[in-house]
C-alpha atoms as a PDB file:
ATOM      1  CA  TYR A   1      16.177  -2.203  15.525  1.00  0.00           C
ATOM      2  CA  ASP A   2      14.294  -4.498  17.822  1.00  0.00           C
ATOM      3  CA  ILE A   3      11.984  -6.574  15.648  1.00  0.00           C
ATOM      4  CA  ASN A   4       9.158  -6.060  18.150  1.00  0.00           C
ATOM      5  CA  SER A   5       9.514  -2.286  18.362  1.00  0.00           C
ATOM      6  CA  LEU A   6       7.005   0.020  16.730  1.00  0.00           C
ATOM      7  CA  SER A   7       9.724   1.942  14.908  1.00  0.00           C
ATOM      8  CA  TYR A   8      10.947  -1.245  13.234  1.00  0.00           C
ATOM      9  CA  LYS A   9       7.435  -2.207  12.127  1.00  0.00           C
ATOM     10  CA  GLY A  10       6.774   1.356  10.968  1.00  0.00           C
ATOM     11  CA  ASN A  11       9.937   1.309   8.868  1.00  0.00           C
ATOM     12  CA  GLN A  12       8.911  -2.019   7.315  1.00  0.00           C
ATOM     13  CA  ILE A  13       5.506  -0.618   6.357  1.00  0.00           C
ATOM     14  CA  GLN A  14       7.057   2.535   4.882  1.00  0.00           C
ATOM     15  CA  GLY A  15       9.504   0.402   2.900  1.00  0.00           C
ATOM     16  CA  LEU A  16       6.668  -1.762   1.611  1.00  0.00           C
ATOM     17  CA  LYS A  17       4.648   1.305   0.613  1.00  0.00           C
ATOM     18  CA  TYR A  18       7.672   2.724  -1.196  1.00  0.00           C
ATOM     19  CA  ASN A  19       8.256  -0.541  -3.101  1.00  0.00           C
ATOM     20  CA  LEU A  20       4.576  -0.843  -4.058  1.00  0.00           C
ATOM     21  CA  ALA A  21       4.466   2.772  -5.260  1.00  0.00           C
ATOM     22  CA  LEU A  22       7.605   2.172  -7.302  1.00  0.00           C
ATOM     23  CA  LYS A  23       6.084  -0.995  -8.807  1.00  0.00           C
ATOM     24  CA  GLN A  24       2.915   0.938  -9.713  1.00  0.00           C
ATOM     25  CA  GLY A  25       4.826   3.789 -11.324  1.00  0.00           C
ATOM     26  CA  TRP A  26       4.017   6.125  -8.431  1.00  0.00           C
ATOM     27  CA  ARG A  27       0.283   5.990  -9.234  1.00  0.00           C
ATOM     28  CA  CYS A  28      -2.722   4.985  -7.126  1.00  0.00           C
ATOM     29  CA  MET A  29      -3.782   1.456  -8.082  1.00  0.00           C
ATOM     30  CA  HIS A  30      -7.433   2.543  -8.301  1.00  0.00           C
ATOM     31  CA  CYS A  31      -7.698   6.105  -9.691  1.00  0.00           C
ATOM     32  CA  GLN A  32      -4.186   6.374 -11.199  1.00  0.00           C
ATOM     33  CA  ASN A  33      -3.573   9.763  -9.571  1.00  0.00           C
ATOM     34  CA  PRO A  34       0.104  10.444  -8.868  1.00  0.00           C
ATOM     35  CA  ILE A  35       1.606   9.492  -5.518  1.00  0.00           C
ATOM     36  CA  LEU A  36       4.159  11.979  -4.234  1.00  0.00           C
ATOM     37  CA  GLN A  37       7.067  10.444  -2.374  1.00  0.00           C
ATOM     38  CA  GLN A  38       6.790  12.902   0.519  1.00  0.00           C
ATOM     39  CA  ASP A  39       3.104  11.926   0.957  1.00  0.00           C
ATOM     40  CA  ILE A  40       3.617   8.149   0.926  1.00  0.00           C
ATOM     41  CA  HIS A  41       2.647   7.923   4.613  1.00  0.00           C
ATOM     42  CA  ARG A  42      -0.908   9.048   3.699  1.00  0.00           C
ATOM     43  CA  HIS A  43      -1.485   6.119   1.356  1.00  0.00           C
ATOM     44  CA  ASP A  44      -2.814   2.702   2.332  1.00  0.00           C
ATOM     45  CA  ILE A  45      -1.913  -0.846   1.354  1.00  0.00           C
ATOM     46  CA  HIS A  46      -4.734  -2.971  -0.078  1.00  0.00           C
ATOM     47  CA  TYR A  47      -5.176  -6.330  -1.735  1.00  0.00           C
ATOM     48  CA  MET A  48      -5.689  -6.135  -5.496  1.00  0.00           C
ATOM     49  CA  LYS A  49      -7.947  -9.173  -5.297  1.00  0.00           C
ATOM     50  CA  PRO A  50      -9.553  -9.288  -1.836  1.00  0.00           C
ATOM     51  CA  LEU A  51      -8.987 -12.414   0.246  1.00  0.00           C
ATOM     52  CA  GLN A  52     -12.718 -13.163   0.418  1.00  0.00           C
ATOM     53  CA  PHE A  53     -12.771 -13.363  -3.391  1.00  0.00           C
ATOM     54  CA  GLY A  54      -9.863 -15.782  -3.671  1.00  0.00           C
ATOM     55  CA  GLY A  55      -6.951 -13.369  -3.349  1.00  0.00           C
ATOM     56  CA  THR A  56      -3.743 -14.493  -1.687  1.00  0.00           C
ATOM     57  CA  HIS A  57      -1.376 -13.042   0.897  1.00  0.00           C
ATOM     58  CA  ASP A  58       1.239 -12.900  -1.859  1.00  0.00           C
ATOM     59  CA  MET A  59       3.269  -9.729  -2.424  1.00  0.00           C
ATOM     60  CA  ASN A  60       2.000  -9.632  -6.020  1.00  0.00           C
ATOM     61  CA  ASN A  61      -1.552  -9.223  -4.693  1.00  0.00           C
ATOM     62  CA  LEU A  62      -0.745  -5.998  -2.821  1.00  0.00           C
ATOM     63  CA  GLY A  63      -1.093  -2.460  -4.064  1.00  0.00           C
ATOM     64  CA  ILE A  64      -1.178   1.044  -2.688  1.00  0.00           C
ATOM     65  CA  LYS A  65      -4.195   3.372  -2.874  1.00  0.00           C
ATOM     66  CA  CYS A  66      -4.526   7.068  -2.208  1.00  0.00           C
ATOM     67  CA  HIS A  67      -6.470   8.160   0.855  1.00  0.00           C
ATOM     68  CA  ASN A  68      -9.611   9.054  -1.114  1.00  0.00           C
ATOM     69  CA  CYS A  69      -9.800   5.695  -2.865  1.00  0.00           C
ATOM     70  CA  SER A  70      -9.145   3.874   0.416  1.00  0.00           C
ATOM     71  CA  GLU A  71     -11.928   5.795   2.100  1.00  0.00           C
ATOM     72  CA  PHE A  72     -14.581   5.219  -0.567  1.00  0.00           C
ATOM     73  CA  SER A  73     -13.624   1.772  -1.846  1.00  0.00           C
ATOM     74  CA  PRO A  74     -15.129  -1.257  -0.077  1.00  0.00           C
ATOM     75  CA  TYR A  75     -11.942  -3.368  -0.660  1.00  0.00           C
END
């Protein structure tokens, strides 16, 4: 892959989502509803502790939320 190509970046994001879901036991970090592997593309990556409240860009501060929680949650 070309590091600047959209397919490369898309694959990195999908890999990150997969790893976060695995770390969370395939559950949404907010509502704890199950995350199905085939629906991982519908879920969004969020900070557990938002940056404006002292959160860091660290991998341990990232989590994955379902679409509903992402839509209705301010952070």
